[in-house]
Amino acid sequence: MTNINKHIIYPAIAIVIFFAIAMLPVELIGCRNRGLIAAVVALAAGLAGICAAVKALVGKIRGDSNSSLWMLSALIFAVPAIYIVITAA
């Protein structure tokens, strides 16, 4: 598994899933179900982002060269959660 797959492609899949669910027609699965599924995906991505950020900080303290890639993963994972916070306001 390359670093690009692990740190960019896989987190980007969470974004694609989130926006695919958010863009589904209401008639397909209903407004409440669509919102709940999108919220669960955003929560899971947010938790994965927190874990990636912690791993990046620990790696930075230990001098790991992959710590910047872990921080990039954390930022990518944060997109769905930030989108929910912005649109809810």
N, C-alpha and C. Protein backbone atom coordinates (compact mmCIF):
# COMPACT_ATOMS: atom_id res chain seq x y z
N MET A 1 0.84 -1.17 0.00
CA MET A 1 0.00 0.00 0.00
C MET A 1 0.90 1.24 0.00
N THR A 2 0.70 2.10 -0.96
CA THR A 2 1.53 3.30 -1.05
C THR A 2 1.00 4.38 -0.11
N ASN A 3 1.84 5.36 0.16
CA ASN A 3 1.43 6.46 1.02
C ASN A 3 0.31 7.29 0.42
N ILE A 4 0.28 7.40 -0.91
CA ILE A 4 -0.78 8.17 -1.56
C ILE A 4 -2.13 7.51 -1.33
N ASN A 5 -2.19 6.18 -1.47
CA ASN A 5 -3.44 5.47 -1.21
C ASN A 5 -3.87 5.64 0.24
N LYS A 6 -2.94 5.44 1.13
CA LYS A 6 -3.24 5.41 2.55
C LYS A 6 -3.62 6.79 3.10
N HIS A 7 -3.00 7.83 2.62
CA HIS A 7 -3.18 9.14 3.22
C HIS A 7 -4.03 10.11 2.41
N ILE A 8 -4.27 9.83 1.15
CA ILE A 8 -5.06 10.75 0.34
C ILE A 8 -6.29 10.08 -0.25
N ILE A 9 -6.13 8.94 -0.91
CA ILE A 9 -7.24 8.30 -1.61
C ILE A 9 -8.29 7.78 -0.63
N TYR A 10 -7.88 7.05 0.39
CA TYR A 10 -8.85 6.48 1.33
C TYR A 10 -9.61 7.55 2.11
N PRO A 11 -8.96 8.60 2.61
CA PRO A 11 -9.75 9.66 3.24
C PRO A 11 -10.68 10.38 2.26
N ALA A 12 -10.25 10.51 1.00
CA ALA A 12 -11.09 11.16 0.01
C ALA A 12 -12.34 10.34 -0.29
N ILE A 13 -12.26 9.04 -0.11
CA ILE A 13 -13.44 8.19 -0.31
C ILE A 13 -14.53 8.54 0.70
N ALA A 14 -14.14 8.90 1.92
CA ALA A 14 -15.13 9.31 2.92
C ALA A 14 -15.85 10.58 2.47
N ILE A 15 -15.12 11.50 1.86
CA ILE A 15 -15.74 12.73 1.36
C ILE A 15 -16.71 12.42 0.23
N VAL A 16 -16.30 11.55 -0.68
CA VAL A 16 -17.16 11.18 -1.81
C VAL A 16 -18.43 10.51 -1.31
N ILE A 17 -18.31 9.60 -0.36
CA ILE A 17 -19.49 8.93 0.20
C ILE A 17 -20.41 9.94 0.87
N PHE A 18 -19.85 10.86 1.65
CA PHE A 18 -20.66 11.85 2.34
C PHE A 18 -21.44 12.71 1.35
N PHE A 19 -20.76 13.26 0.34
CA PHE A 19 -21.45 14.12 -0.60
C PHE A 19 -22.39 13.34 -1.52
N ALA A 20 -22.09 12.08 -1.80
CA ALA A 20 -23.02 11.26 -2.58
C ALA A 20 -24.31 11.04 -1.81
N ILE A 21 -24.21 10.80 -0.52
CA ILE A 21 -25.41 10.64 0.31
C ILE A 21 -26.16 11.96 0.42
N ALA A 22 -25.43 13.04 0.60
CA ALA A 22 -26.07 14.35 0.75
C ALA A 22 -26.77 14.79 -0.53
N MET A 23 -26.31 14.36 -1.67
CA MET A 23 -26.90 14.76 -2.94
C MET A 23 -27.97 13.80 -3.46
N LEU A 24 -28.24 12.74 -2.72
CA LEU A 24 -29.31 11.81 -3.13
C LEU A 24 -30.65 12.53 -3.13
N PRO A 25 -31.53 12.17 -4.03
CA PRO A 25 -32.86 12.76 -4.00
C PRO A 25 -33.61 12.36 -2.72
N VAL A 26 -34.42 13.27 -2.22
CA VAL A 26 -35.16 13.01 -0.99
C VAL A 26 -36.13 11.84 -1.17
N GLU A 27 -36.67 11.70 -2.36
CA GLU A 27 -37.65 10.65 -2.63
C GLU A 27 -37.04 9.25 -2.56
N LEU A 28 -35.74 9.15 -2.67
CA LEU A 28 -35.10 7.85 -2.72
C LEU A 28 -35.06 7.17 -1.34
N ILE A 29 -34.55 7.84 -0.33
CA ILE A 29 -34.47 7.23 1.00
C ILE A 29 -35.10 8.08 2.09
N GLY A 30 -35.63 9.22 1.73
CA GLY A 30 -36.26 10.07 2.72
C GLY A 30 -35.29 11.07 3.31
N CYS A 31 -35.83 12.18 3.73
CA CYS A 31 -34.99 13.27 4.22
C CYS A 31 -34.30 12.91 5.53
N ARG A 32 -35.06 12.34 6.47
CA ARG A 32 -34.48 12.01 7.78
C ARG A 32 -33.41 10.93 7.65
N ASN A 33 -33.69 9.88 6.90
CA ASN A 33 -32.71 8.81 6.74
C ASN A 33 -31.45 9.31 6.05
N ARG A 34 -31.62 10.13 5.04
CA ARG A 34 -30.47 10.68 4.32
C ARG A 34 -29.63 11.54 5.26
N GLY A 35 -30.28 12.35 6.06
CA GLY A 35 -29.56 13.19 7.01
C GLY A 35 -28.85 12.38 8.08
N LEU A 36 -29.50 11.35 8.57
CA LEU A 36 -28.87 10.51 9.60
C LEU A 36 -27.66 9.76 9.05
N ILE A 37 -27.79 9.23 7.85
CA ILE A 37 -26.66 8.52 7.25
C ILE A 37 -25.50 9.48 7.00
N ALA A 38 -25.81 10.67 6.49
CA ALA A 38 -24.75 11.66 6.25
C ALA A 38 -24.10 12.08 7.57
N ALA A 39 -24.89 12.22 8.62
CA ALA A 39 -24.33 12.60 9.92
C ALA A 39 -23.43 11.50 10.47
N VAL A 40 -23.82 10.25 10.30
CA VAL A 40 -22.99 9.13 10.76
C VAL A 40 -21.67 9.09 9.99
N VAL A 41 -21.74 9.29 8.68
CA VAL A 41 -20.51 9.30 7.87
C VAL A 41 -19.61 10.46 8.29
N ALA A 42 -20.21 11.64 8.53
CA ALA A 42 -19.42 12.80 8.96
C ALA A 42 -18.81 12.56 10.34
N LEU A 43 -19.56 11.94 11.24
CA LEU A 43 -19.03 11.65 12.57
C LEU A 43 -17.89 10.64 12.49
N ALA A 44 -18.06 9.61 11.69
CA ALA A 44 -16.99 8.62 11.53
C ALA A 44 -15.74 9.25 10.91
N ALA A 45 -15.94 10.11 9.92
CA ALA A 45 -14.80 10.78 9.31
C ALA A 45 -14.13 11.74 10.31
N GLY A 46 -14.93 12.40 11.12
CA GLY A 46 -14.36 13.29 12.13
C GLY A 46 -13.55 12.54 13.17
N LEU A 47 -14.06 11.40 13.60
CA LEU A 47 -13.30 10.58 14.56
C LEU A 47 -12.02 10.03 13.93
N ALA A 48 -12.11 9.62 12.67
CA ALA A 48 -10.90 9.16 11.99
C ALA A 48 -9.91 10.31 11.82
N GLY A 49 -10.41 11.52 11.59
CA GLY A 49 -9.54 12.68 11.50
C GLY A 49 -8.84 12.99 12.81
N ILE A 50 -9.57 12.83 13.91
CA ILE A 50 -8.95 13.05 15.23
C ILE A 50 -7.86 12.01 15.47
N CYS A 51 -8.14 10.76 15.13
CA CYS A 51 -7.12 9.72 15.29
C CYS A 51 -5.90 9.99 14.42
N ALA A 52 -6.14 10.45 13.19
CA ALA A 52 -5.01 10.76 12.30
C ALA A 52 -4.21 11.95 12.83
N ALA A 53 -4.90 12.93 13.40
CA ALA A 53 -4.19 14.09 13.95
C ALA A 53 -3.34 13.70 15.15
N VAL A 54 -3.88 12.82 15.99
CA VAL A 54 -3.10 12.35 17.14
C VAL A 54 -1.88 11.57 16.67
N LYS A 55 -2.08 10.72 15.67
CA LYS A 55 -0.95 9.96 15.13
C LYS A 55 0.08 10.89 14.50
N ALA A 56 -0.38 11.97 13.87
CA ALA A 56 0.55 12.94 13.28
C ALA A 56 1.34 13.66 14.36
N LEU A 57 0.67 14.06 15.44
CA LEU A 57 1.38 14.75 16.51
C LEU A 57 2.39 13.85 17.22
N VAL A 58 2.01 12.61 17.46
CA VAL A 58 2.94 11.66 18.07
C VAL A 58 4.12 11.41 17.13
N GLY A 59 3.82 11.28 15.84
CA GLY A 59 4.90 11.09 14.87
C GLY A 59 5.81 12.29 14.77
N LYS A 60 5.24 13.49 14.89
CA LYS A 60 6.05 14.70 14.84
C LYS A 60 6.99 14.77 16.04
N ILE A 61 6.49 14.38 17.21
CA ILE A 61 7.32 14.38 18.41
C ILE A 61 8.45 13.36 18.28
N ARG A 62 8.15 12.20 17.69
CA ARG A 62 9.15 11.14 17.55
C ARG A 62 10.06 11.33 16.33
N GLY A 63 9.76 12.33 15.50
CA GLY A 63 10.60 12.57 14.33
C GLY A 63 10.25 11.70 13.14
N ASP A 64 9.02 11.22 13.05
CA ASP A 64 8.59 10.38 11.94
C ASP A 64 8.42 11.23 10.69
N SER A 65 8.89 10.71 9.56
CA SER A 65 8.79 11.47 8.31
C SER A 65 7.38 11.46 7.73
N ASN A 66 6.53 10.53 8.15
CA ASN A 66 5.17 10.45 7.64
C ASN A 66 4.18 11.30 8.43
N SER A 67 4.63 12.08 9.39
CA SER A 67 3.70 12.85 10.22
C SER A 67 2.96 13.91 9.40
N SER A 68 3.61 14.47 8.40
CA SER A 68 2.91 15.46 7.57
C SER A 68 1.81 14.81 6.73
N LEU A 69 2.04 13.58 6.30
CA LEU A 69 0.99 12.86 5.56
C LEU A 69 -0.19 12.52 6.46
N TRP A 70 0.08 12.19 7.71
CA TRP A 70 -1.00 11.92 8.65
C TRP A 70 -1.81 13.19 8.92
N MET A 71 -1.15 14.35 8.98
CA MET A 71 -1.87 15.59 9.17
C MET A 71 -2.71 15.92 7.94
N LEU A 72 -2.20 15.62 6.76
CA LEU A 72 -2.98 15.79 5.54
C LEU A 72 -4.22 14.91 5.57
N SER A 73 -4.07 13.69 6.04
CA SER A 73 -5.22 12.79 6.19
C SER A 73 -6.24 13.36 7.16
N ALA A 74 -5.77 13.93 8.25
CA ALA A 74 -6.68 14.52 9.23
C ALA A 74 -7.46 15.67 8.63
N LEU A 75 -6.80 16.50 7.83
CA LEU A 75 -7.49 17.61 7.19
C LEU A 75 -8.51 17.13 6.17
N ILE A 76 -8.18 16.09 5.43
CA ILE A 76 -9.13 15.55 4.46
C ILE A 76 -10.33 14.94 5.17
N PHE A 77 -10.09 14.21 6.27
CA PHE A 77 -11.19 13.62 7.02
C PHE A 77 -12.09 14.68 7.65
N ALA A 78 -11.57 15.86 7.89
CA ALA A 78 -12.34 16.91 8.56
C ALA A 78 -13.36 17.57 7.65
N VAL A 79 -13.26 17.42 6.36
CA VAL A 79 -14.14 18.12 5.42
C VAL A 79 -15.63 17.84 5.67
N PRO A 80 -16.09 16.58 5.80
CA PRO A 80 -17.52 16.37 6.03
C PRO A 80 -18.02 16.98 7.33
N ALA A 81 -17.24 16.89 8.39
CA ALA A 81 -17.66 17.47 9.66
C ALA A 81 -17.73 18.98 9.59
N ILE A 82 -16.79 19.60 8.91
CA ILE A 82 -16.81 21.05 8.75
C ILE A 82 -18.01 21.46 7.89
N TYR A 83 -18.31 20.70 6.86
CA TYR A 83 -19.46 21.00 6.00
C TYR A 83 -20.76 20.96 6.80
N ILE A 84 -20.91 19.98 7.67
CA ILE A 84 -22.13 19.90 8.48
C ILE A 84 -22.23 21.09 9.42
N VAL A 85 -21.13 21.48 10.03
CA VAL A 85 -21.14 22.62 10.96
C VAL A 85 -21.47 23.91 10.20
N ILE A 86 -20.91 24.10 9.01
CA ILE A 86 -21.16 25.31 8.25
C ILE A 86 -22.60 25.38 7.78
N THR A 87 -23.15 24.28 7.28
CA THR A 87 -24.51 24.31 6.76
C THR A 87 -25.56 24.32 7.85
N ALA A 88 -25.22 23.91 9.06
CA ALA A 88 -26.20 23.91 10.15
C ALA A 88 -26.38 25.30 10.73
N ALA A 89 -25.44 26.18 10.51
CA ALA A 89 -25.53 27.53 11.09
C ALA A 89 -26.47 28.42 10.34
